Amino acid sequence: MQAQKQVIEALLNPEAYPEDPGKIELIQTHISFVFLTKNFVYKVKKEVNFGFLDFSTLEKRRFFCEKELELNRRLCPDMYLEVAPINKSKIIKIKGGGETVEYALKMKRMPQEKIMTVLLKENKVDDKTIDELARIISQFHSKAQTSSEINEYGSLKIVKTNWDENFAQTLKFINQTISQAEFQFIQNKVTHFMENNKALFESRIKNNKIRDCHGDMHSGNIFITDKIYIFDAIEFNDRFRYSDVASDVAFLGMDLDFQKRPDLSAYFIDRYVAYSDDQQLTKLLPFYKCYRAYVRGKVISFKLDDPNVNNEEKKAATKEAQAYFNLAADYAKNL
């Protein structure tokens, strides 16, 4: 941790960069340090191990930087540039001399105001853009890898495991972000749906609909500039990425519903089905939308236990998580 702290401090200095960085901004997530420079973004993985994600050694961080590069080049070949070594001799420098002490994923910097979430708030996302998104995603899914190992992740056994994990991890938030009644209702509806639709889940596997997907497809991970960039696919755990294509589609559909644009959500689904000819997908949509909304509610609830989150943020997180759980319960009504 100490060694990484030194690297992070060094990257706040312009001489640590191979080009003129201009103003350097540091943004942190729970798993990354992200350095924004004039033309590029350098992302360093935090030295953490959360069980479902393990970046605890330099070798693992290099491995996952390379995996992130490879996976995201599927949809953003010209945005994801390279994995750059960070070296230490007299000074710590990206692609400098001496021993490699860290790795950074180097990306082209995109204009923040072109993130789809921002554009939705400004009412700047039209049907033409949604149609193009549906086309890109359908094409991406048709080419995405599948195998007998990947197929396992579409099986009821694993789908049920994912749900069981969700329910277990939200028990402690009952009466904080989710009511007892909502929790019970969603659990019952989901369980019945899985019991009554075994053949549907099996036919998805037979029809090659379980793929190496994106895993985190929502408007916060989409830039709309001269073209569309869907970035930040999940690299750290295959289980979060291997899924029915319906689950990927449901995430963006749910996100648009959550942002009070059910019209765009319905149009997106409609166009995706037209491009992919996956008529069966609509039968699974409420199920996977419910799953995606529930996971968002769960993840935001985790902030209530985070000592780094202040009370004001916790209040906002409580309201946001409640809204996601309400949406999950709405979807459950259609199961």
Protein backbone atom coordinates (compact mmCIF):
# COMPACT_ATOMS: atom_id res chain seq x y z
CA MET A 1 0.00 0.00 0.00
CA GLN A 2 2.84 2.38 0.93
CA ALA A 3 4.58 1.81 -2.42
CA GLN A 4 1.34 2.51 -4.29
CA LYS A 5 0.79 5.70 -2.27
CA GLN A 6 4.19 6.95 -3.53
CA VAL A 7 3.16 6.24 -7.14
CA ILE A 8 -0.17 8.07 -6.75
CA GLU A 9 1.56 11.12 -5.28
CA ALA A 10 4.13 11.07 -8.11
CA LEU A 11 1.41 11.01 -10.78
CA LEU A 12 0.14 14.38 -9.58
CA ASN A 13 3.38 15.92 -10.97
CA PRO A 14 3.66 16.80 -14.69
CA GLU A 15 7.18 15.27 -14.99
CA ALA A 16 5.69 11.80 -14.35
CA TYR A 17 4.06 11.84 -17.82
CA PRO A 18 5.52 11.02 -21.25
CA GLU A 19 3.65 14.02 -22.77
CA ASP A 20 2.55 17.44 -21.48
CA PRO A 21 -0.39 16.54 -19.22
CA GLY A 22 -1.73 20.09 -18.75
CA LYS A 23 -3.88 20.23 -15.63
CA ILE A 24 -3.92 16.88 -13.76
CA GLU A 25 -7.12 15.84 -11.97
CA LEU A 26 -7.43 12.78 -9.76
CA ILE A 27 -10.78 10.99 -9.40
CA GLN A 28 -11.13 7.97 -7.12
CA THR A 29 -13.58 5.08 -7.22
CA HIS A 30 -13.56 2.25 -4.68
CA ILE A 31 -11.31 0.24 -7.01
CA SER A 32 -9.34 2.79 -9.10
CA PHE A 33 -7.30 5.97 -9.14
CA VAL A 34 -8.15 7.82 -12.35
CA PHE A 35 -5.85 10.60 -13.56
CA LEU A 36 -7.38 12.99 -16.08
CA THR A 37 -4.84 14.91 -18.19
CA LYS A 38 -5.30 17.22 -21.17
CA ASN A 39 -5.64 14.48 -23.81
CA PHE A 40 -5.47 11.19 -21.94
CA VAL A 41 -6.81 9.30 -18.95
CA TYR A 42 -4.55 7.01 -16.88
CA LYS A 43 -6.31 4.47 -14.68
CA VAL A 44 -4.42 2.70 -11.88
CA LYS A 45 -6.06 -0.20 -10.06
CA LYS A 46 -6.12 0.07 -6.26
CA GLU A 47 -4.23 -2.54 -4.26
CA VAL A 48 -7.41 -4.14 -2.85
CA ASN A 49 -9.00 -7.56 -2.48
CA PHE A 50 -12.79 -7.69 -2.08
CA GLY A 51 -13.16 -11.42 -2.73
CA PHE A 52 -15.12 -10.95 -5.96
CA LEU A 53 -12.22 -8.76 -7.14
CA ASP A 54 -8.52 -9.20 -6.37
CA PHE A 55 -5.96 -6.52 -7.33
CA SER A 56 -3.69 -7.27 -4.36
CA THR A 57 -0.42 -7.89 -6.27
CA LEU A 58 1.39 -6.02 -9.02
CA GLU A 59 1.15 -9.09 -11.27
CA LYS A 60 -2.65 -9.25 -10.81
CA ARG A 61 -3.00 -5.54 -11.53
CA ARG A 62 -1.02 -5.95 -14.75
CA PHE A 63 -3.14 -8.96 -15.74
CA PHE A 64 -6.43 -7.11 -15.18
CA CYS A 65 -5.18 -3.94 -16.94
CA GLU A 66 -4.44 -6.10 -20.00
CA LYS A 67 -7.78 -7.86 -19.72
CA GLU A 68 -9.62 -4.53 -19.44
CA LEU A 69 -7.80 -3.26 -22.53
CA GLU A 70 -8.67 -6.38 -24.53
CA LEU A 71 -12.35 -6.51 -23.47
CA ASN A 72 -13.03 -2.83 -24.03
CA ARG A 73 -11.37 -2.76 -27.42
CA ARG A 74 -14.35 -4.83 -28.60
CA LEU A 75 -16.56 -1.72 -28.42
CA CYS A 76 -14.00 1.14 -28.13
CA PRO A 77 -10.93 0.20 -30.20
CA ASP A 78 -9.73 3.79 -30.57
CA MET A 79 -10.43 4.89 -26.97
CA TYR A 80 -8.47 2.18 -25.14
CA LEU A 81 -4.84 2.75 -26.10
CA GLU A 82 -2.37 0.64 -24.11
CA VAL A 83 -1.22 -0.70 -20.76
CA ALA A 84 1.65 1.59 -19.72
CA PRO A 85 4.29 0.56 -17.17
CA ILE A 86 5.09 3.07 -14.41
CA ASN A 87 8.81 2.95 -13.64
CA LYS A 88 11.01 4.13 -10.82
CA SER A 89 14.63 5.25 -11.13
CA LYS A 90 15.50 8.76 -9.85
CA ILE A 91 11.85 9.69 -10.32
CA ILE A 92 8.63 7.76 -10.84
CA LYS A 93 7.56 8.09 -14.47
CA ILE A 94 5.09 6.47 -16.88
CA LYS A 95 7.17 4.52 -19.42
CA GLY A 96 10.32 5.81 -17.73
CA GLY A 97 13.55 4.02 -16.83
CA GLY A 98 14.24 1.58 -14.03
CA GLU A 99 12.08 -0.93 -12.22
CA THR A 100 8.36 -1.28 -13.03
CA VAL A 101 6.46 -0.43 -9.85
CA GLU A 102 2.89 -0.10 -11.19
CA TYR A 103 0.75 -0.25 -14.36
CA ALA A 104 -1.78 2.17 -15.80
CA LEU A 105 -4.41 1.70 -18.46
CA LYS A 106 -4.08 4.60 -20.90
CA MET A 107 -7.20 5.88 -22.65
CA LYS A 108 -8.12 8.76 -24.92
CA ARG A 109 -9.86 11.47 -22.89
CA MET A 110 -13.47 12.02 -23.90
CA PRO A 111 -15.59 15.13 -23.19
CA GLN A 112 -17.43 14.55 -19.88
CA GLU A 113 -20.43 16.55 -21.07
CA LYS A 114 -20.99 13.89 -23.77
CA ILE A 115 -21.78 11.11 -21.27
CA MET A 116 -25.23 9.74 -22.10
CA THR A 117 -26.56 10.35 -18.56
CA VAL A 118 -25.78 14.08 -18.93
CA LEU A 119 -27.29 14.19 -22.43
CA LEU A 120 -30.48 12.48 -21.17
CA LYS A 121 -30.92 15.17 -18.50
CA GLU A 122 -30.52 17.82 -21.21
CA ASN A 123 -33.01 16.01 -23.45
CA LYS A 124 -30.37 15.53 -26.15
CA VAL A 125 -30.84 11.81 -26.82
CA ASP A 126 -33.13 11.11 -29.77
CA ASP A 127 -34.58 8.01 -31.43
CA LYS A 128 -31.82 8.02 -34.05
CA THR A 129 -29.16 7.66 -31.31
CA ILE A 130 -31.15 4.92 -29.56
CA ASP A 131 -31.54 3.07 -32.87
CA GLU A 132 -27.76 3.27 -33.45
CA LEU A 133 -27.11 2.03 -29.90
CA ALA A 134 -29.43 -0.94 -30.44
CA ARG A 135 -27.64 -1.78 -33.70
CA ILE A 136 -24.16 -1.60 -32.11
CA ILE A 137 -25.19 -3.70 -29.08
CA SER A 138 -26.95 -6.32 -31.20
CA GLN A 139 -23.88 -6.64 -33.45
CA PHE A 140 -21.59 -6.80 -30.40
CA HIS A 141 -23.66 -9.61 -28.86
CA SER A 142 -23.76 -11.60 -32.10
CA LYS A 143 -19.93 -11.62 -32.23
CA ALA A 144 -19.30 -12.02 -28.48
CA GLN A 145 -17.66 -15.24 -27.40
CA THR A 146 -19.68 -18.22 -26.22
CA SER A 147 -18.60 -21.67 -25.01
CA SER A 148 -19.81 -24.51 -22.80
CA GLU A 149 -18.16 -22.75 -19.83
CA ILE A 150 -19.90 -19.43 -20.63
CA ASN A 151 -23.21 -21.31 -21.13
CA GLU A 152 -23.08 -22.44 -17.49
CA TYR A 153 -23.67 -18.83 -16.45
CA GLY A 154 -27.05 -18.80 -18.14
CA SER A 155 -28.13 -21.94 -16.31
CA LEU A 156 -30.86 -21.67 -13.68
CA LYS A 157 -28.40 -22.97 -11.11
CA ILE A 158 -26.10 -19.93 -11.50
CA VAL A 159 -28.94 -17.45 -12.08
CA LYS A 160 -30.49 -18.67 -8.82
CA THR A 161 -27.09 -18.39 -7.05
CA ASN A 162 -26.84 -14.75 -8.17
CA TRP A 163 -30.31 -14.01 -6.79
CA ASP A 164 -29.63 -15.85 -3.52
CA GLU A 165 -26.51 -13.74 -3.08
CA ASN A 166 -28.55 -10.58 -3.69
CA PHE A 167 -31.14 -11.52 -1.10
CA ALA A 168 -28.52 -12.54 1.47
CA GLN A 169 -26.61 -9.28 1.01
CA THR A 170 -29.72 -7.09 1.38
CA LEU A 171 -31.17 -8.69 4.53
CA LYS A 172 -29.41 -6.11 6.68
CA PHE A 173 -30.97 -3.23 4.71
CA ILE A 174 -34.58 -4.31 5.32
CA ASN A 175 -36.45 -1.30 6.76
CA GLN A 176 -33.55 0.97 5.73
CA THR A 177 -33.60 0.96 1.93
CA ILE A 178 -36.09 -1.85 1.23
CA SER A 179 -39.27 -2.67 3.13
CA GLN A 180 -39.95 -6.16 4.51
CA ALA A 181 -43.00 -6.38 2.22
CA GLU A 182 -41.03 -5.44 -0.92
CA PHE A 183 -38.23 -7.86 -0.05
CA GLN A 184 -40.71 -10.72 0.43
CA PHE A 185 -42.71 -9.83 -2.68
CA ILE A 186 -39.66 -9.69 -4.99
CA GLN A 187 -38.22 -12.90 -3.52
CA ASN A 188 -41.50 -14.81 -4.03
CA LYS A 189 -42.06 -13.52 -7.57
CA VAL A 190 -38.49 -14.24 -8.68
CA THR A 191 -38.53 -17.74 -7.16
CA HIS A 192 -41.83 -18.60 -8.88
CA PHE A 193 -40.61 -17.24 -12.21
CA MET A 194 -37.50 -19.43 -12.10
CA GLU A 195 -39.53 -22.51 -11.10
CA ASN A 196 -42.09 -21.97 -13.87
CA ASN A 197 -39.66 -21.15 -16.69
CA LYS A 198 -37.02 -23.89 -16.65
CA ALA A 199 -37.60 -24.60 -20.34
CA LEU A 200 -37.14 -20.92 -21.25
CA PHE A 201 -33.73 -20.72 -19.53
CA GLU A 202 -32.66 -23.99 -21.18
CA SER A 203 -33.69 -22.81 -24.64
CA ARG A 204 -31.61 -19.62 -24.19
CA ILE A 205 -28.54 -21.84 -23.73
CA LYS A 206 -29.49 -23.98 -26.76
CA ASN A 207 -29.98 -20.83 -28.88
CA ASN A 208 -26.48 -19.52 -28.02
CA LYS A 209 -27.81 -16.48 -26.13
CA ILE A 210 -25.33 -16.78 -23.24
CA ARG A 211 -22.29 -14.70 -24.20
CA ASP A 212 -19.23 -12.86 -22.94
CA CYS A 213 -21.20 -9.62 -22.58
CA HIS A 214 -20.33 -6.12 -21.36
CA GLY A 215 -21.71 -6.54 -17.84
CA ASP A 216 -22.16 -2.87 -16.91
CA MET A 217 -24.18 -1.40 -19.74
CA HIS A 218 -25.84 1.81 -18.55
CA SER A 219 -25.86 5.44 -19.64
CA GLY A 220 -22.99 6.39 -17.28
CA ASN A 221 -20.72 4.13 -19.37
CA ILE A 222 -21.68 5.51 -22.79
CA PHE A 223 -20.16 8.50 -24.58
CA ILE A 224 -22.10 9.96 -27.50
CA THR A 225 -19.76 12.10 -29.61
CA ASP A 226 -19.22 11.81 -33.38
CA LYS A 227 -19.86 8.13 -32.69
CA ILE A 228 -20.97 5.94 -29.78
CA TYR A 229 -18.50 4.55 -27.25
CA ILE A 230 -19.74 1.93 -24.76
CA PHE A 231 -16.87 1.70 -22.29
CA ASP A 232 -15.90 0.24 -18.89
CA ALA A 233 -16.89 -3.41 -19.45
CA ILE A 234 -16.27 -5.50 -16.33
CA GLU A 235 -12.86 -7.18 -16.40
CA PHE A 236 -12.35 -8.20 -12.77
CA ASN A 237 -14.83 -11.08 -12.54
CA ASP A 238 -16.09 -13.22 -15.44
CA ARG A 239 -19.26 -14.11 -13.52
CA PHE A 240 -20.46 -10.49 -13.80
CA ARG A 241 -19.93 -10.48 -17.57
CA TYR A 242 -20.92 -13.98 -18.74
CA SER A 243 -24.69 -13.82 -19.03
CA ASP A 244 -27.74 -13.99 -21.20
CA VAL A 245 -27.62 -11.10 -23.69
CA ALA A 246 -31.07 -10.22 -22.27
CA SER A 247 -29.38 -9.23 -19.01
CA ASP A 248 -27.09 -6.74 -20.79
CA VAL A 249 -30.03 -5.29 -22.73
CA ALA A 250 -32.16 -5.17 -19.57
CA PHE A 251 -29.54 -3.08 -17.77
CA LEU A 252 -29.74 -0.21 -20.27
CA GLY A 253 -33.53 -0.62 -20.53
CA MET A 254 -33.85 -0.41 -16.73
CA ASP A 255 -31.50 2.58 -16.60
CA LEU A 256 -33.65 4.49 -19.11
CA ASP A 257 -36.80 3.61 -17.11
CA PHE A 258 -35.09 4.82 -13.92
CA GLN A 259 -34.26 8.13 -15.61
CA LYS A 260 -37.94 8.59 -16.43
CA ARG A 261 -37.53 7.80 -20.13
CA PRO A 262 -39.68 4.68 -20.55
CA ASP A 263 -40.33 5.85 -24.13
CA LEU A 264 -36.63 5.54 -25.02
CA SER A 265 -36.38 2.28 -23.07
CA ALA A 266 -39.26 0.71 -25.03
CA TYR A 267 -37.84 1.99 -28.33
CA PHE A 268 -34.39 0.61 -27.50
CA ILE A 269 -35.83 -2.86 -26.75
CA ASP A 270 -37.95 -2.72 -29.89
CA ARG A 271 -34.97 -1.85 -32.10
CA TYR A 272 -32.67 -4.40 -30.43
CA VAL A 273 -35.23 -7.16 -31.07
CA ALA A 274 -35.55 -6.01 -34.70
CA TYR A 275 -31.76 -6.06 -35.24
CA SER A 276 -31.09 -9.31 -33.36
CA ASP A 277 -34.33 -11.14 -34.26
CA ASP A 278 -34.37 -12.29 -30.62
CA GLN A 279 -38.16 -12.38 -30.07
CA GLN A 280 -37.75 -14.59 -27.00
CA LEU A 281 -35.83 -11.86 -25.16
CA THR A 282 -39.02 -9.96 -24.27
CA LYS A 283 -40.20 -12.89 -22.10
CA LEU A 284 -37.11 -12.51 -19.93
CA LEU A 285 -36.99 -8.73 -19.84
CA PRO A 286 -39.02 -8.07 -16.65
CA PHE A 287 -36.96 -10.75 -14.87
CA TYR A 288 -33.58 -9.29 -15.83
CA LYS A 289 -34.73 -5.68 -15.42
CA CYS A 290 -35.83 -6.62 -11.90
CA TYR A 291 -32.41 -8.21 -11.33
CA ARG A 292 -30.53 -5.12 -12.57
CA ALA A 293 -32.63 -2.70 -10.51
CA TYR A 294 -32.21 -4.89 -7.43
CA VAL A 295 -28.42 -5.05 -7.83
CA ARG A 296 -28.26 -1.24 -8.16
CA GLY A 297 -30.35 -0.89 -5.00
CA LYS A 298 -28.06 -3.32 -3.19
CA VAL A 299 -24.79 -1.71 -4.29
CA ILE A 300 -25.98 1.80 -3.37
CA SER A 301 -27.14 0.46 0.03
CA PHE A 302 -23.55 -0.63 0.71
CA LYS A 303 -22.68 3.08 1.03
CA LEU A 304 -24.58 3.11 4.34
CA ASP A 305 -21.82 0.90 5.82
CA ASP A 306 -18.92 2.82 4.27
CA PRO A 307 -17.00 4.88 6.85
CA ASN A 308 -15.73 7.18 4.06
CA VAL A 309 -19.25 8.29 3.15
CA ASN A 310 -20.61 11.27 5.12
CA ASN A 311 -24.16 11.54 6.53
CA GLU A 312 -25.39 13.82 3.76
CA GLU A 313 -24.26 11.32 1.11
CA LYS A 314 -25.78 8.46 3.13
CA LYS A 315 -29.15 10.23 3.11
CA ALA A 316 -28.96 10.66 -0.66
CA ALA A 317 -27.85 7.01 -1.07
CA THR A 318 -30.82 5.82 1.04
CA LYS A 319 -33.27 7.67 -1.22
CA GLU A 320 -31.60 6.43 -4.41
CA ALA A 321 -31.47 2.81 -3.23
CA GLN A 322 -35.16 2.96 -2.20
CA ALA A 323 -36.03 4.22 -5.70
CA TYR A 324 -34.19 1.28 -7.30
CA PHE A 325 -35.87 -1.26 -5.00
CA ASN A 326 -39.29 0.31 -5.80
CA LEU A 327 -38.52 -0.08 -9.50
CA ALA A 328 -37.45 -3.73 -8.93
CA ALA A 329 -40.79 -4.36 -7.19
CA ASP A 330 -42.63 -2.80 -10.17
CA TYR A 331 -40.87 -5.17 -12.55
CA ALA A 332 -41.63 -8.11 -10.23
CA LYS A 333 -45.37 -7.43 -10.70
CA ASN A 334 -44.92 -8.55 -14.32
CA LEU A 335 -43.28 -11.87 -13.44
